[in-house]
mmCIF file of all heavy atoms, coordinates in Angstrom:
data_MODEL
# 
_entry.id   MODEL 
# 
loop_
_atom_site.group_PDB 
_atom_site.id 
_atom_site.type_symbol 
_atom_site.label_atom_id 
_atom_site.label_alt_id 
_atom_site.label_comp_id 
_atom_site.label_asym_id 
_atom_site.label_entity_id 
_atom_site.label_seq_id 
_atom_site.pdbx_PDB_ins_code 
_atom_site.Cartn_x 
_atom_site.Cartn_y 
_atom_site.Cartn_z 
_atom_site.occupancy 
_atom_site.B_iso_or_equiv 
_atom_site.pdbx_formal_charge 
_atom_site.auth_seq_id 
_atom_site.auth_comp_id 
_atom_site.auth_asym_id 
_atom_site.auth_atom_id 
_atom_site.pdbx_PDB_model_num 
ATOM 1   N N   . PRO A 1 1  ? -4.264  33.797 -70.177 1.00 0.00 ? 1  PRO A N   1 
ATOM 2   C CA  . PRO A 1 1  ? -5.357  34.600 -69.616 1.00 0.00 ? 1  PRO A CA  1 
ATOM 3   C C   . PRO A 1 1  ? -6.728  34.136 -70.073 1.00 0.00 ? 1  PRO A C   1 
ATOM 4   O O   . PRO A 1 1  ? -7.735  34.569 -69.535 1.00 0.00 ? 1  PRO A O   1 
ATOM 5   C CB  . PRO A 1 1  ? -5.053  36.011 -70.141 1.00 0.00 ? 1  PRO A CB  1 
ATOM 6   C CG  . PRO A 1 1  ? -4.271  35.794 -71.387 1.00 0.00 ? 1  PRO A CG  1 
ATOM 7   C CD  . PRO A 1 1  ? -3.442  34.568 -71.110 1.00 0.00 ? 1  PRO A CD  1 
ATOM 8   N N   . TYR A 1 2  ? -6.772  33.252 -71.073 1.00 0.00 ? 2  TYR A N   1 
ATOM 9   C CA  . TYR A 1 2  ? -8.048  32.781 -71.592 1.00 0.00 ? 2  TYR A CA  1 
ATOM 10  C C   . TYR A 1 2  ? -8.347  31.348 -71.174 1.00 0.00 ? 2  TYR A C   1 
ATOM 11  O O   . TYR A 1 2  ? -9.273  30.729 -71.669 1.00 0.00 ? 2  TYR A O   1 
ATOM 12  C CB  . TYR A 1 2  ? -8.074  32.893 -73.112 1.00 0.00 ? 2  TYR A CB  1 
ATOM 13  C CG  . TYR A 1 2  ? -7.700  34.265 -73.585 1.00 0.00 ? 2  TYR A CG  1 
ATOM 14  C CD1 . TYR A 1 2  ? -6.634  34.463 -74.445 1.00 0.00 ? 2  TYR A CD1 1 
ATOM 15  C CD2 . TYR A 1 2  ? -8.398  35.381 -73.137 1.00 0.00 ? 2  TYR A CD2 1 
ATOM 16  C CE1 . TYR A 1 2  ? -6.283  35.740 -74.869 1.00 0.00 ? 2  TYR A CE1 1 
ATOM 17  C CE2 . TYR A 1 2  ? -8.051  36.659 -73.548 1.00 0.00 ? 2  TYR A CE2 1 
ATOM 18  C CZ  . TYR A 1 2  ? -7.002  36.823 -74.408 1.00 0.00 ? 2  TYR A CZ  1 
ATOM 19  O OH  . TYR A 1 2  ? -6.644  38.080 -74.821 1.00 0.00 ? 2  TYR A OH  1 
ATOM 20  N N   . ARG A 1 3  ? -7.554  30.820 -70.226 1.00 0.00 ? 3  ARG A N   1 
ATOM 21  C CA  . ARG A 1 3  ? -7.782  29.464 -69.761 1.00 0.00 ? 3  ARG A CA  1 
ATOM 22  C C   . ARG A 1 3  ? -7.755  29.470 -68.239 1.00 0.00 ? 3  ARG A C   1 
ATOM 23  O O   . ARG A 1 3  ? -6.723  29.721 -67.626 1.00 0.00 ? 3  ARG A O   1 
ATOM 24  C CB  . ARG A 1 3  ? -6.718  28.524 -70.299 1.00 0.00 ? 3  ARG A CB  1 
ATOM 25  C CG  . ARG A 1 3  ? -7.042  27.048 -70.054 1.00 0.00 ? 3  ARG A CG  1 
ATOM 26  C CD  . ARG A 1 3  ? -5.965  26.160 -70.642 1.00 0.00 ? 3  ARG A CD  1 
ATOM 27  N NE  . ARG A 1 3  ? -6.368  24.770 -70.595 1.00 0.00 ? 3  ARG A NE  1 
ATOM 28  C CZ  . ARG A 1 3  ? -5.544  23.758 -70.857 1.00 0.00 ? 3  ARG A CZ  1 
ATOM 29  N NH1 . ARG A 1 3  ? -4.301  23.994 -71.199 1.00 0.00 ? 3  ARG A NH1 1 
ATOM 30  N NH2 . ARG A 1 3  ? -5.977  22.526 -70.803 1.00 0.00 ? 3  ARG A NH2 1 
ATOM 31  N N   . ARG A 1 4  ? -8.891  29.208 -67.626 1.00 0.00 ? 4  ARG A N   1 
ATOM 32  C CA  . ARG A 1 4  ? -9.004  29.259 -66.182 1.00 0.00 ? 4  ARG A CA  1 
ATOM 33  C C   . ARG A 1 4  ? -9.588  27.962 -65.650 1.00 0.00 ? 4  ARG A C   1 
ATOM 34  O O   . ARG A 1 4  ? -10.434 27.343 -66.273 1.00 0.00 ? 4  ARG A O   1 
ATOM 35  C CB  . ARG A 1 4  ? -9.913  30.419 -65.753 1.00 0.00 ? 4  ARG A CB  1 
ATOM 36  C CG  . ARG A 1 4  ? -9.421  31.795 -66.188 1.00 0.00 ? 4  ARG A CG  1 
ATOM 37  C CD  . ARG A 1 4  ? -8.167  32.177 -65.473 1.00 0.00 ? 4  ARG A CD  1 
ATOM 38  N NE  . ARG A 1 4  ? -7.775  33.549 -65.786 1.00 0.00 ? 4  ARG A NE  1 
ATOM 39  C CZ  . ARG A 1 4  ? -6.528  33.971 -65.839 1.00 0.00 ? 4  ARG A CZ  1 
ATOM 40  N NH1 . ARG A 1 4  ? -5.544  33.136 -65.624 1.00 0.00 ? 4  ARG A NH1 1 
ATOM 41  N NH2 . ARG A 1 4  ? -6.249  35.232 -66.099 1.00 0.00 ? 4  ARG A NH2 1 
ATOM 42  N N   . ARG A 1 5  ? -9.139  27.573 -64.481 1.00 0.00 ? 5  ARG A N   1 
ATOM 43  C CA  . ARG A 1 5  ? -9.702  26.408 -63.816 1.00 0.00 ? 5  ARG A CA  1 
ATOM 44  C C   . ARG A 1 5  ? -10.788 26.857 -62.844 1.00 0.00 ? 5  ARG A C   1 
ATOM 45  O O   . ARG A 1 5  ? -10.728 27.948 -62.284 1.00 0.00 ? 5  ARG A O   1 
ATOM 46  C CB  . ARG A 1 5  ? -8.613  25.635 -63.053 1.00 0.00 ? 5  ARG A CB  1 
ATOM 47  C CG  . ARG A 1 5  ? -7.539  25.050 -63.979 1.00 0.00 ? 5  ARG A CG  1 
ATOM 48  C CD  . ARG A 1 5  ? -6.546  24.245 -63.190 1.00 0.00 ? 5  ARG A CD  1 
ATOM 49  N NE  . ARG A 1 5  ? -5.490  23.721 -64.051 1.00 0.00 ? 5  ARG A NE  1 
ATOM 50  C CZ  . ARG A 1 5  ? -5.586  22.622 -64.758 1.00 0.00 ? 5  ARG A CZ  1 
ATOM 51  N NH1 . ARG A 1 5  ? -6.716  21.942 -64.729 1.00 0.00 ? 5  ARG A NH1 1 
ATOM 52  N NH2 . ARG A 1 5  ? -4.587  22.204 -65.504 1.00 0.00 ? 5  ARG A NH2 1 
ATOM 53  N N   . GLY A 1 6  ? -11.777 25.990 -62.614 1.00 0.00 ? 6  GLY A N   1 
ATOM 54  C CA  . GLY A 1 6  ? -12.828 26.308 -61.674 1.00 0.00 ? 6  GLY A CA  1 
ATOM 55  C C   . GLY A 1 6  ? -13.822 27.316 -62.236 1.00 0.00 ? 6  GLY A C   1 
ATOM 56  O O   . GLY A 1 6  ? -13.788 27.673 -63.400 1.00 0.00 ? 6  GLY A O   1 
ATOM 57  N N   . ARG A 1 7  ? -14.702 27.766 -61.383 1.00 0.00 ? 7  ARG A N   1 
ATOM 58  C CA  . ARG A 1 7  ? -15.738 28.688 -61.811 1.00 0.00 ? 7  ARG A CA  1 
ATOM 59  C C   . ARG A 1 7  ? -15.174 30.078 -62.049 1.00 0.00 ? 7  ARG A C   1 
ATOM 60  O O   . ARG A 1 7  ? -14.299 30.541 -61.332 1.00 0.00 ? 7  ARG A O   1 
ATOM 61  C CB  . ARG A 1 7  ? -16.846 28.761 -60.760 1.00 0.00 ? 7  ARG A CB  1 
ATOM 62  C CG  . ARG A 1 7  ? -17.720 27.515 -60.737 1.00 0.00 ? 7  ARG A CG  1 
ATOM 63  C CD  . ARG A 1 7  ? -18.974 27.772 -59.933 1.00 0.00 ? 7  ARG A CD  1 
ATOM 64  N NE  . ARG A 1 7  ? -19.935 26.687 -60.099 1.00 0.00 ? 7  ARG A NE  1 
ATOM 65  C CZ  . ARG A 1 7  ? -21.168 26.725 -59.622 1.00 0.00 ? 7  ARG A CZ  1 
ATOM 66  N NH1 . ARG A 1 7  ? -21.579 27.799 -58.963 1.00 0.00 ? 7  ARG A NH1 1 
ATOM 67  N NH2 . ARG A 1 7  ? -21.995 25.713 -59.807 1.00 0.00 ? 7  ARG A NH2 1 
ATOM 68  N N   . THR A 1 8  ? -15.704 30.713 -63.069 1.00 0.00 ? 8  THR A N   1 
ATOM 69  C CA  . THR A 1 8  ? -15.303 32.078 -63.386 1.00 0.00 ? 8  THR A CA  1 
ATOM 70  C C   . THR A 1 8  ? -16.271 33.037 -62.709 1.00 0.00 ? 8  THR A C   1 
ATOM 71  O O   . THR A 1 8  ? -17.469 32.961 -62.943 1.00 0.00 ? 8  THR A O   1 
ATOM 72  C CB  . THR A 1 8  ? -15.324 32.300 -64.910 1.00 0.00 ? 8  THR A CB  1 
ATOM 73  O OG1 . THR A 1 8  ? -14.462 31.356 -65.526 1.00 0.00 ? 8  THR A OG1 1 
ATOM 74  C CG2 . THR A 1 8  ? -14.869 33.703 -65.250 1.00 0.00 ? 8  THR A CG2 1 
ATOM 75  N N   . PRO A 1 9  ? -15.774 33.927 -61.857 1.00 0.00 ? 9  PRO A N   1 
ATOM 76  C CA  . PRO A 1 9  ? -16.694 34.861 -61.200 1.00 0.00 ? 9  PRO A CA  1 
ATOM 77  C C   . PRO A 1 9  ? -17.303 35.834 -62.209 1.00 0.00 ? 9  PRO A C   1 
ATOM 78  O O   . PRO A 1 9  ? -16.615 36.322 -63.098 1.00 0.00 ? 9  PRO A O   1 
ATOM 79  C CB  . PRO A 1 9  ? -15.795 35.586 -60.188 1.00 0.00 ? 9  PRO A CB  1 
ATOM 80  C CG  . PRO A 1 9  ? -14.406 35.458 -60.750 1.00 0.00 ? 9  PRO A CG  1 
ATOM 81  C CD  . PRO A 1 9  ? -14.380 34.133 -61.457 1.00 0.00 ? 9  PRO A CD  1 
ATOM 82  N N   . ILE A 1 10 ? -18.601 36.072 -62.074 1.00 0.00 ? 10 ILE A N   1 
ATOM 83  C CA  . ILE A 1 10 ? -19.301 37.018 -62.928 1.00 0.00 ? 10 ILE A CA  1 
ATOM 84  C C   . ILE A 1 10 ? -19.610 38.262 -62.098 1.00 0.00 ? 10 ILE A C   1 
ATOM 85  O O   . ILE A 1 10 ? -20.196 38.167 -61.014 1.00 0.00 ? 10 ILE A O   1 
ATOM 86  C CB  . ILE A 1 10 ? -20.614 36.420 -63.470 1.00 0.00 ? 10 ILE A CB  1 
ATOM 87  C CG1 . ILE A 1 10 ? -20.355 35.086 -64.193 1.00 0.00 ? 10 ILE A CG1 1 
ATOM 88  C CG2 . ILE A 1 10 ? -21.324 37.407 -64.383 1.00 0.00 ? 10 ILE A CG2 1 
ATOM 89  C CD1 . ILE A 1 10 ? -19.437 35.177 -65.377 1.00 0.00 ? 10 ILE A CD1 1 
ATOM 90  N N   . ALA A 1 11 ? -19.201 39.422 -62.578 1.00 0.00 ? 11 ALA A N   1 
ATOM 91  C CA  . ALA A 1 11 ? -19.459 40.662 -61.861 1.00 0.00 ? 11 ALA A CA  1 
ATOM 92  C C   . ALA A 1 11 ? -20.961 40.865 -61.687 1.00 0.00 ? 11 ALA A C   1 
ATOM 93  O O   . ALA A 1 11 ? -21.742 40.546 -62.581 1.00 0.00 ? 11 ALA A O   1 
ATOM 94  C CB  . ALA A 1 11 ? -18.842 41.838 -62.603 1.00 0.00 ? 11 ALA A CB  1 
ATOM 95  N N   . ALA A 1 12 ? -21.352 41.414 -60.534 1.00 0.00 ? 12 ALA A N   1 
ATOM 96  C CA  . ALA A 1 12 ? -22.770 41.570 -60.220 1.00 0.00 ? 12 ALA A CA  1 
ATOM 97  C C   . ALA A 1 12 ? -23.496 42.417 -61.259 1.00 0.00 ? 12 ALA A C   1 
ATOM 98  O O   . ALA A 1 12 ? -24.610 42.083 -61.680 1.00 0.00 ? 12 ALA A O   1 
ATOM 99  C CB  . ALA A 1 12 ? -22.927 42.177 -58.831 1.00 0.00 ? 12 ALA A CB  1 
ATOM 100 N N   . ASP A 1 13 ? -22.858 43.506 -61.698 1.00 0.00 ? 13 ASP A N   1 
ATOM 101 C CA  . ASP A 1 13 ? -23.538 44.363 -62.672 1.00 0.00 ? 13 ASP A CA  1 
ATOM 102 C C   . ASP A 1 13 ? -23.690 43.675 -64.015 1.00 0.00 ? 13 ASP A C   1 
ATOM 103 O O   . ASP A 1 13 ? -24.689 43.872 -64.716 1.00 0.00 ? 13 ASP A O   1 
ATOM 104 C CB  . ASP A 1 13 ? -22.790 45.696 -62.827 1.00 0.00 ? 13 ASP A CB  1 
ATOM 105 C CG  . ASP A 1 13 ? -21.363 45.523 -63.291 1.00 0.00 ? 13 ASP A CG  1 
ATOM 106 O OD1 . ASP A 1 13 ? -20.792 44.419 -63.145 1.00 0.00 ? 13 ASP A OD1 1 
ATOM 107 O OD2 . ASP A 1 13 ? -20.795 46.508 -63.803 1.00 0.00 ? 13 ASP A OD2 1 
ATOM 108 N N   . GLU A 1 14 ? -22.731 42.830 -64.378 1.00 0.00 ? 14 GLU A N   1 
ATOM 109 C CA  . GLU A 1 14 ? -22.837 42.085 -65.626 1.00 0.00 ? 14 GLU A CA  1 
ATOM 110 C C   . GLU A 1 14 ? -23.909 41.003 -65.539 1.00 0.00 ? 14 GLU A C   1 
ATOM 111 O O   . GLU A 1 14 ? -24.650 40.761 -66.492 1.00 0.00 ? 14 GLU A O   1 
ATOM 112 C CB  . GLU A 1 14 ? -21.488 41.468 -65.988 1.00 0.00 ? 14 GLU A CB  1 
ATOM 113 C CG  . GLU A 1 14 ? -20.503 42.443 -66.589 1.00 0.00 ? 14 GLU A CG  1 
ATOM 114 C CD  . GLU A 1 14 ? -20.948 42.886 -67.978 1.00 0.00 ? 14 GLU A CD  1 
ATOM 115 O OE1 . GLU A 1 14 ? -20.624 42.202 -68.949 1.00 0.00 ? 14 GLU A OE1 1 
ATOM 116 O OE2 . GLU A 1 14 ? -21.648 43.918 -68.088 1.00 0.00 ? 14 GLU A OE2 1 
ATOM 117 N N   . ALA A 1 15 ? -23.998 40.334 -64.394 1.00 0.00 ? 15 ALA A N   1 
ATOM 118 C CA  . ALA A 1 15 ? -25.041 39.319 -64.213 1.00 0.00 ? 15 ALA A CA  1 
ATOM 119 C C   . ALA A 1 15 ? -26.426 39.944 -64.352 1.00 0.00 ? 15 ALA A C   1 
ATOM 120 O O   . ALA A 1 15 ? -27.328 39.364 -64.974 1.00 0.00 ? 15 ALA A O   1 
ATOM 121 C CB  . ALA A 1 15 ? -24.891 38.650 -62.849 1.00 0.00 ? 15 ALA A CB  1 
ATOM 122 N N   . LEU A 1 16 ? -26.592 41.135 -63.813 1.00 0.00 ? 16 LEU A N   1 
ATOM 123 C CA  . LEU A 1 16 ? -27.873 41.829 -63.934 1.00 0.00 ? 16 LEU A CA  1 
ATOM 124 C C   . LEU A 1 16 ? -28.131 42.267 -65.377 1.00 0.00 ? 16 LEU A C   1 
ATOM 125 O O   . LEU A 1 16 ? -29.260 42.202 -65.869 1.00 0.00 ? 16 LEU A O   1 
ATOM 126 C CB  . LEU A 1 16 ? -27.896 43.039 -63.015 1.00 0.00 ? 16 LEU A CB  1 
ATOM 127 C CG  . LEU A 1 16 ? -28.112 42.748 -61.524 1.00 0.00 ? 16 LEU A CG  1 
ATOM 128 C CD1 . LEU A 1 16 ? -27.873 43.998 -60.696 1.00 0.00 ? 16 LEU A CD1 1 
ATOM 129 C CD2 . LEU A 1 16 ? -29.515 42.213 -61.289 1.00 0.00 ? 16 LEU A CD2 1 
ATOM 130 N N   . ARG A 1 17 ? -27.069 42.702 -66.061 1.00 0.00 ? 17 ARG A N   1 
ATOM 131 C CA  . ARG A 1 17 ? -27.225 43.201 -67.437 1.00 0.00 ? 17 ARG A CA  1 
ATOM 132 C C   . ARG A 1 17 ? -27.758 42.117 -68.363 1.00 0.00 ? 17 ARG A C   1 
ATOM 133 O O   . ARG A 1 17 ? -28.538 42.399 -69.281 1.00 0.00 ? 17 ARG A O   1 
ATOM 134 C CB  . ARG A 1 17 ? -25.878 43.726 -67.953 1.00 0.00 ? 17 ARG A CB  1 
ATOM 135 C CG  . ARG A 1 17 ? -25.940 44.298 -69.362 1.00 0.00 ? 17 ARG A CG  1 
ATOM 136 C CD  . ARG A 1 17 ? -24.587 44.846 -69.800 1.00 0.00 ? 17 ARG A CD  1 
ATOM 137 N NE  . ARG A 1 17 ? -23.617 43.805 -70.058 1.00 0.00 ? 17 ARG A NE  1 
ATOM 138 C CZ  . ARG A 1 17 ? -23.481 43.169 -71.240 1.00 0.00 ? 17 ARG A CZ  1 
ATOM 139 N NH1 . ARG A 1 17 ? -24.277 43.483 -72.248 1.00 0.00 ? 17 ARG A NH1 1 
ATOM 140 N NH2 . ARG A 1 17 ? -22.549 42.247 -71.399 1.00 0.00 ? 17 ARG A NH2 1 
ATOM 141 N N   . VAL A 1 18 ? -27.335 40.872 -68.170 1.00 0.00 ? 18 VAL A N   1 
ATOM 142 C CA  . VAL A 1 18 ? -27.700 39.797 -69.105 1.00 0.00 ? 18 VAL A CA  1 
ATOM 143 C C   . VAL A 1 18 ? -28.816 38.905 -68.577 1.00 0.00 ? 18 VAL A C   1 
ATOM 144 O O   . VAL A 1 18 ? -29.197 37.943 -69.247 1.00 0.00 ? 18 VAL A O   1 
ATOM 145 C CB  . VAL A 1 18 ? -26.461 38.939 -69.458 1.00 0.00 ? 18 VAL A CB  1 
ATOM 146 C CG1 . VAL A 1 18 ? -25.346 39.803 -70.033 1.00 0.00 ? 18 VAL A CG1 1 
ATOM 147 C CG2 . VAL A 1 18 ? -25.966 38.150 -68.249 1.00 0.00 ? 18 VAL A CG2 1 
ATOM 148 N N   . ALA A 1 19 ? -29.350 39.191 -67.395 1.00 0.00 ? 19 ALA A N   1 
ATOM 149 C CA  . ALA A 1 19 ? -30.352 38.295 -66.789 1.00 0.00 ? 19 ALA A CA  1 
ATOM 150 C C   . ALA A 1 19 ? -31.551 38.078 -67.695 1.00 0.00 ? 19 ALA A C   1 
ATOM 151 O O   . ALA A 1 19 ? -32.010 36.949 -67.896 1.00 0.00 ? 19 ALA A O   1 
ATOM 152 C CB  . ALA A 1 19 ? -30.791 38.848 -65.435 1.00 0.00 ? 19 ALA A CB  1 
ATOM 153 N N   . ALA A 1 20 ? -32.090 39.162 -68.259 1.00 0.00 ? 20 ALA A N   1 
ATOM 154 C CA  . ALA A 1 20 ? -33.270 39.025 -69.127 1.00 0.00 ? 20 ALA A CA  1 
ATOM 155 C C   . ALA A 1 20 ? -32.937 38.300 -70.424 1.00 0.00 ? 20 ALA A C   1 
ATOM 156 O O   . ALA A 1 20 ? -33.783 37.605 -70.989 1.00 0.00 ? 20 ALA A O   1 
ATOM 157 C CB  . ALA A 1 20 ? -33.871 40.395 -69.415 1.00 0.00 ? 20 ALA A CB  1 
ATOM 158 N N   . SER A 1 21 ? -31.707 38.453 -70.906 1.00 0.00 ? 21 SER A N   1 
ATOM 159 C CA  . SER A 1 21 ? -31.307 37.743 -72.126 1.00 0.00 ? 21 SER A CA  1 
ATOM 160 C C   . SER A 1 21 ? -31.287 36.240 -71.884 1.00 0.00 ? 21 SER A C   1 
ATOM 161 O O   . SER A 1 21 ? -31.788 35.454 -72.704 1.00 0.00 ? 21 SER A O   1 
ATOM 162 C CB  . SER A 1 21 ? -29.932 38.230 -72.587 1.00 0.00 ? 21 SER A CB  1 
ATOM 163 O OG  . SER A 1 21 ? -30.004 39.546 -73.098 1.00 0.00 ? 21 SER A OG  1 
ATOM 164 N N   . ILE A 1 22 ? -30.717 35.820 -70.757 1.00 0.00 ? 22 ILE A N   1 
ATOM 165 C CA  . ILE A 1 22 ? -30.700 34.392 -70.447 1.00 0.00 ? 22 ILE A CA  1 
ATOM 166 C C   . ILE A 1 22 ? -32.129 33.890 -70.234 1.00 0.00 ? 22 ILE A C   1 
ATOM 167 O O   . ILE A 1 22 ? -32.493 32.791 -70.677 1.00 0.00 ? 22 ILE A O   1 
ATOM 168 C CB  . ILE A 1 22 ? -29.810 34.113 -69.228 1.00 0.00 ? 22 ILE A CB  1 
ATOM 169 C CG1 . ILE A 1 22 ? -28.355 34.493 -69.540 1.00 0.00 ? 22 ILE A CG1 1 
ATOM 170 C CG2 . ILE A 1 22 ? -29.891 32.640 -68.824 1.00 0.00 ? 22 ILE A CG2 1 
ATOM 171 C CD1 . ILE A 1 22 ? -27.418 34.415 -68.362 1.00 0.00 ? 22 ILE A CD1 1 
ATOM 172 N N   . GLY A 1 23 ? -32.959 34.702 -69.586 1.00 0.00 ? 23 GLY A N   1 
ATOM 173 C CA  . GLY A 1 23 ? -34.373 34.339 -69.465 1.00 0.00 ? 23 GLY A CA  1 
ATOM 174 C C   . GLY A 1 23 ? -35.017 34.157 -70.825 1.00 0.00 ? 23 GLY A C   1 
ATOM 175 O O   . GLY A 1 23 ? -35.826 33.249 -71.037 1.00 0.00 ? 23 GLY A O   1 
ATOM 176 N N   . GLY A 1 24 ? -34.641 35.018 -71.780 1.00 0.00 ? 24 GLY A N   1 
ATOM 177 C CA  . GLY A 1 24 ? -35.163 34.899 -73.136 1.00 0.00 ? 24 GLY A CA  1 
ATOM 178 C C   . GLY A 1 24 ? -34.719 33.638 -73.835 1.00 0.00 ? 24 GLY A C   1 
ATOM 179 O O   . GLY A 1 24 ? -35.462 33.068 -74.646 1.00 0.00 ? 24 GLY A O   1 
ATOM 180 N N   . TYR A 1 25 ? -33.508 33.162 -73.537 1.00 0.00 ? 25 TYR A N   1 
ATOM 181 C CA  . TYR A 1 25 ? -33.064 31.889 -74.105 1.00 0.00 ? 25 TYR A CA  1 
ATOM 182 C C   . TYR A 1 25 ? -34.006 30.764 -73.665 1.00 0.00 ? 25 TYR A C   1 
ATOM 183 O O   . TYR A 1 25 ? -34.399 29.906 -74.461 1.00 0.00 ? 25 TYR A O   1 
ATOM 184 C CB  . TYR A 1 25 ? -31.638 31.560 -73.671 1.00 0.00 ? 25 TYR A CB  1 
ATOM 185 C CG  . TYR A 1 25 ? -30.579 32.552 -74.087 1.00 0.00 ? 25 TYR A CG  1 
ATOM 186 C CD1 . TYR A 1 25 ? -29.412 32.694 -73.337 1.00 0.00 ? 25 TYR A CD1 1 
ATOM 187 C CD2 . TYR A 1 25 ? -30.723 33.353 -75.217 1.00 0.00 ? 25 TYR A CD2 1 
ATOM 188 C CE1 . TYR A 1 25 ? -28.414 33.600 -73.709 1.00 0.00 ? 25 TYR A CE1 1 
ATOM 189 C CE2 . TYR A 1 25 ? -29.743 34.259 -75.589 1.00 0.00 ? 25 TYR A CE2 1 
ATOM 190 C CZ  . TYR A 1 25 ? -28.585 34.378 -74.826 1.00 0.00 ? 25 TYR A CZ  1 
ATOM 191 O OH  . TYR A 1 25 ? -27.603 35.274 -75.186 1.00 0.00 ? 25 TYR A OH  1 
ATOM 192 N N   . TRP A 1 26 ? -34.370 30.774 -72.376 1.00 0.00 ? 26 TRP A N   1 
ATOM 193 C CA  . TRP A 1 26 ? -35.271 29.739 -71.871 1.00 0.00 ? 26 TRP A CA  1 
ATOM 194 C C   . TRP A 1 26 ? -36.626 29.771 -72.569 1.00 0.00 ? 26 TRP A C   1 
ATOM 195 O O   . TRP A 1 26 ? -37.295 28.736 -72.683 1.00 0.00 ? 26 TRP A O   1 
ATOM 196 C CB  . TRP A 1 26 ? -35.476 29.907 -70.361 1.00 0.00 ? 26 TRP A CB  1 
ATOM 197 C CG  . TRP A 1 26 ? -34.324 29.466 -69.521 1.00 0.00 ? 26 TRP A CG  1 
ATOM 198 C CD1 . TRP A 1 26 ? -33.534 30.251 -68.733 1.00 0.00 ? 26 TRP A CD1 1 
ATOM 199 C CD2 . TRP A 1 26 ? -33.824 28.133 -69.373 1.00 0.00 ? 26 TRP A CD2 1 
ATOM 200 N NE1 . TRP A 1 26 ? -32.567 29.493 -68.109 1.00 0.00 ? 26 TRP A NE1 1 
ATOM 201 C CE2 . TRP A 1 26 ? -32.724 28.186 -68.482 1.00 0.00 ? 26 TRP A CE2 1 
ATOM 202 C CE3 . TRP A 1 26 ? -34.196 26.897 -69.905 1.00 0.00 ? 26 TRP A CE3 1 
ATOM 203 C CZ2 . TRP A 1 26 ? -31.998 27.055 -68.119 1.00 0.00 ? 26 TRP A CZ2 1 
ATOM 204 C CZ3 . TRP A 1 26 ? -33.473 25.770 -69.546 1.00 0.00 ? 26 TRP A CZ3 1 
ATOM 205 C CH2 . TRP A 1 26 ? -32.389 25.853 -68.661 1.00 0.00 ? 26 TRP A CH2 1 
ATOM 206 N N   . SER A 1 27 ? -37.043 30.932 -73.051 1.00 0.00 ? 27 SER A N   1 
ATOM 207 C CA  . SER A 1 27 ? -38.360 31.038 -73.686 1.00 0.00 ? 27 SER A CA  1 
ATOM 208 C C   . SER A 1 27 ? -38.470 30.190 -74.944 1.00 0.00 ? 27 SER A C   1 
ATOM 209 O O   . SER A 1 27 ? -39.573 29.871 -75.383 1.00 0.00 ? 27 SER A O   1 
ATOM 210 C CB  . SER A 1 27 ? -38.659 32.499 -74.035 1.00 0.00 ? 27 SER A CB  1 
ATOM 211 O OG  . SER A 1 27 ? -37.904 32.931 -75.154 1.00 0.00 ? 27 SER A OG  1 
ATOM 212 N N   . ALA A 1 28 ? -37.335 29.848 -75.541 1.00 0.00 ? 28 ALA A N   1 
ATOM 213 C CA  . ALA A 1 28 ? -37.337 29.056 -76.772 1.00 0.00 ? 28 ALA A CA  1 
ATOM 214 C C   . ALA A 1 28 ? -37.434 27.560 -76.505 1.00 0.00 ? 28 ALA A C   1 
ATOM 215 O O   . ALA A 1 28 ? -37.517 26.770 -77.449 1.00 0.00 ? 28 ALA A O   1 
ATOM 216 C CB  . ALA A 1 28 ? -36.088 29.353 -77.591 1.00 0.00 ? 28 ALA A CB  1 
ATOM 217 N N   . THR A 1 29 ? -37.407 27.161 -75.239 1.00 0.00 ? 29 THR A N   1 
ATOM 218 C CA  . THR A 1 29 ? -37.511 25.739 -74.897 1.00 0.00 ? 29 THR A CA  1 
ATOM 219 C C   . THR A 1 29 ? -38.913 25.448 -74.389 1.00 0.00 ? 29 THR A C   1 
ATOM 220 O O   . THR A 1 29 ? -39.450 26.199 -73.567 1.00 0.00 ? 29 THR A O   1 
ATOM 221 C CB  . THR A 1 29 ? -36.486 25.349 -73.813 1.00 0.00 ? 29 THR A CB  1 
ATOM 222 O OG1 . THR A 1 29 ? -36.775 26.062 -72.605 1.00 0.00 ? 29 THR A OG1 1 
ATOM 223 C CG2 . THR A 1 29 ? -35.079 25.676 -74.269 1.00 0.00 ? 29 THR A CG2 1 
# 
């Protein structure tokens, strides 16, 4: 269950929940 081929789908609500965090990662570059 922890090994998948291809792209892993990300739930829409989860993608929204972490969007600002990923944006914050970019701020350090």
